Amino acid sequence: DPRQLTWANDIINKASGLVKVILISGNIKQAYKALNTRIYFDQGGIIATRLGILHLPAEVTPDAANKRLKIQEFDAGLYTPYQAKQREVHND
């Protein structure tokens, strides 16, 4: 989805490259060309399922103590988070 690639590119630029892009479907080669960064592939959606991610794109960030993960799912067209889908996951 071109909107998701645009969203990912904006996130990468804002984070000064400290981002890992993980696809769960789509064309890795196309994503690499659009984002110019290493692309990982979540074979079978295992990572997304484990983290309970239901909407894409999503951003997963650690808390300050690296004990929990904050997951935000976004509407790529609006660049706004789905407020009801913000949650924390223990990193145990």
C-alpha atoms as a PDB file:
ATOM      1  CA  ASP A   1       0.000   0.000   0.000  1.00  0.00           C
ATOM      2  CA  PRO A   2       1.639   3.307  -1.047  1.00  0.00           C
ATOM      3  CA  ARG A   3       0.125   5.121   1.967  1.00  0.00           C
ATOM      4  CA  GLN A   4       1.824   2.700   4.346  1.00  0.00           C
ATOM      5  CA  LEU A   5       5.159   3.164   2.551  1.00  0.00           C
ATOM      6  CA  THR A   6       4.789   6.944   2.845  1.00  0.00           C
ATOM      7  CA  TRP A   7       3.946   6.565   6.541  1.00  0.00           C
ATOM      8  CA  ALA A   8       6.955   4.288   7.118  1.00  0.00           C
ATOM      9  CA  ASN A   9       9.265   6.679   5.281  1.00  0.00           C
ATOM     10  CA  ASP A  10       8.103   9.560   7.498  1.00  0.00           C
ATOM     11  CA  ILE A  11       8.690   7.471  10.643  1.00  0.00           C
ATOM     12  CA  ILE A  12      12.170   6.468   9.442  1.00  0.00           C
ATOM     13  CA  ASN A  13      13.099  10.095   8.740  1.00  0.00           C
ATOM     14  CA  LYS A  14      11.791  11.329  12.113  1.00  0.00           C
ATOM     15  CA  ALA A  15      13.627   8.575  14.006  1.00  0.00           C
ATOM     16  CA  SER A  16      16.967   9.235  12.297  1.00  0.00           C
ATOM     17  CA  GLY A  17      17.121   5.677  10.975  1.00  0.00           C
ATOM     18  CA  LEU A  18      16.642   3.915  14.323  1.00  0.00           C
ATOM     19  CA  VAL A  19      13.724   1.937  12.901  1.00  0.00           C
ATOM     20  CA  LYS A  20      13.286  -1.679  11.863  1.00  0.00           C
ATOM     21  CA  VAL A  21      10.716  -2.144   9.126  1.00  0.00           C
ATOM     22  CA  ILE A  22       8.865  -5.454   9.249  1.00  0.00           C
ATOM     23  CA  LEU A  23       6.465  -6.444   6.494  1.00  0.00           C
ATOM     24  CA  ILE A  24       3.799  -9.071   6.984  1.00  0.00           C
ATOM     25  CA  SER A  25       2.835  -9.112   3.316  1.00  0.00           C
ATOM     26  CA  GLY A  26       3.677  -7.311   0.124  1.00  0.00           C
ATOM     27  CA  ASN A  27       6.692  -6.908  -2.078  1.00  0.00           C
ATOM     28  CA  ILE A  28       9.962  -6.682  -0.136  1.00  0.00           C
ATOM     29  CA  LYS A  29      11.901  -5.409  -3.161  1.00  0.00           C
ATOM     30  CA  GLN A  30       9.382  -2.614  -3.764  1.00  0.00           C
ATOM     31  CA  ALA A  31       9.420  -1.644  -0.085  1.00  0.00           C
ATOM     32  CA  TYR A  32      13.226  -1.605  -0.036  1.00  0.00           C
ATOM     33  CA  LYS A  33      13.346   0.676  -3.077  1.00  0.00           C
ATOM     34  CA  ALA A  34      10.772   3.043  -1.575  1.00  0.00           C
ATOM     35  CA  LEU A  35      12.310   3.174   1.909  1.00  0.00           C
ATOM     36  CA  ASN A  36      16.004   2.588   1.191  1.00  0.00           C
ATOM     37  CA  THR A  37      16.446   0.609   4.402  1.00  0.00           C
ATOM     38  CA  ARG A  38      16.746  -3.011   5.449  1.00  0.00           C
ATOM     39  CA  ILE A  39      13.401  -4.796   5.359  1.00  0.00           C
ATOM     40  CA  TYR A  40      12.469  -7.751   7.557  1.00  0.00           C
ATOM     41  CA  PHE A  41       9.589 -10.086   6.754  1.00  0.00           C
ATOM     42  CA  ASP A  42       7.238 -11.508   9.388  1.00  0.00           C
ATOM     43  CA  GLN A  43       6.677 -14.923   7.822  1.00  0.00           C
ATOM     44  CA  GLY A  44       3.129 -15.996   8.521  1.00  0.00           C
ATOM     45  CA  GLY A  45       2.454 -12.920  10.678  1.00  0.00           C
ATOM     46  CA  ILE A  46       3.975 -14.566  13.759  1.00  0.00           C
ATOM     47  CA  ILE A  47       5.306 -11.321  15.279  1.00  0.00           C
ATOM     48  CA  ALA A  48       2.110  -9.381  14.559  1.00  0.00           C
ATOM     49  CA  THR A  49       0.005 -12.160  16.065  1.00  0.00           C
ATOM     50  CA  ARG A  50       2.158 -12.442  19.179  1.00  0.00           C
ATOM     51  CA  LEU A  51       1.937  -8.695  19.765  1.00  0.00           C
ATOM     52  CA  GLY A  52      -1.788  -8.613  18.995  1.00  0.00           C
ATOM     53  CA  ILE A  53      -1.419  -6.191  16.102  1.00  0.00           C
ATOM     54  CA  LEU A  54      -4.692  -6.023  14.176  1.00  0.00           C
ATOM     55  CA  HIS A  55      -4.255  -2.901  11.998  1.00  0.00           C
ATOM     56  CA  LEU A  56      -1.349  -1.799   9.845  1.00  0.00           C
ATOM     57  CA  PRO A  57       0.785   0.162   9.870  1.00  0.00           C
ATOM     58  CA  ALA A  58       1.763  -0.160  13.506  1.00  0.00           C
ATOM     59  CA  GLU A  59       4.581   1.230  15.618  1.00  0.00           C
ATOM     60  CA  VAL A  60       6.121  -0.737  18.487  1.00  0.00           C
ATOM     61  CA  THR A  61       8.406   1.116  20.884  1.00  0.00           C
ATOM     62  CA  PRO A  62       9.973   0.158  24.233  1.00  0.00           C
ATOM     63  CA  ASP A  63       9.248   2.090  27.383  1.00  0.00           C
ATOM     64  CA  ALA A  64      12.077   3.908  29.170  1.00  0.00           C
ATOM     65  CA  ALA A  65      12.917   0.857  31.304  1.00  0.00           C
ATOM     66  CA  ASN A  66      12.728  -1.570  28.354  1.00  0.00           C
ATOM     67  CA  LYS A  67      10.213  -3.674  30.296  1.00  0.00           C
ATOM     68  CA  ARG A  68       7.119  -3.005  28.205  1.00  0.00           C
ATOM     69  CA  LEU A  69       6.339  -2.422  24.569  1.00  0.00           C
ATOM     70  CA  LYS A  70       3.963   0.322  23.497  1.00  0.00           C
ATOM     71  CA  ILE A  71       1.966  -0.618  20.407  1.00  0.00           C
ATOM     72  CA  GLN A  72       0.179   1.982  18.321  1.00  0.00           C
ATOM     73  CA  GLU A  73      -1.833   1.045  15.239  1.00  0.00           C
ATOM     74  CA  PHE A  74      -2.328   3.837  12.701  1.00  0.00           C
ATOM     75  CA  ASP A  75      -4.619   4.834   9.890  1.00  0.00           C
ATOM     76  CA  ALA A  76      -1.953   5.391   7.228  1.00  0.00           C
ATOM     77  CA  GLY A  77      -4.171   7.743   5.263  1.00  0.00           C
ATOM     78  CA  LEU A  78      -4.728  10.060   8.226  1.00  0.00           C
ATOM     79  CA  TYR A  79      -1.444   9.539  10.135  1.00  0.00           C
ATOM     80  CA  THR A  80      -3.436   9.275  13.339  1.00  0.00           C
ATOM     81  CA  PRO A  81      -3.386   6.419  15.826  1.00  0.00           C
ATOM     82  CA  TYR A  82      -6.419   4.296  16.460  1.00  0.00           C
ATOM     83  CA  GLN A  83      -6.828   5.551  20.026  1.00  0.00           C
ATOM     84  CA  ALA A  84      -8.598   2.414  21.224  1.00  0.00           C
ATOM     85  CA  LYS A  85      -5.762   0.220  19.997  1.00  0.00           C
ATOM     86  CA  GLN A  86      -2.950   1.702  22.089  1.00  0.00           C
ATOM     87  CA  ARG A  87      -1.762  -0.814  24.628  1.00  0.00           C
ATOM     88  CA  GLU A  88       1.313  -2.042  26.410  1.00  0.00           C
ATOM     89  CA  VAL A  89       2.802  -5.522  26.265  1.00  0.00           C
ATOM     90  CA  HIS A  90       5.147  -6.869  28.925  1.00  0.00           C
ATOM     91  CA  ASN A  91       8.562  -7.704  27.504  1.00  0.00           C
ATOM     92  CA  ASP A  92       9.160 -10.758  29.715  1.00  0.00           C
END
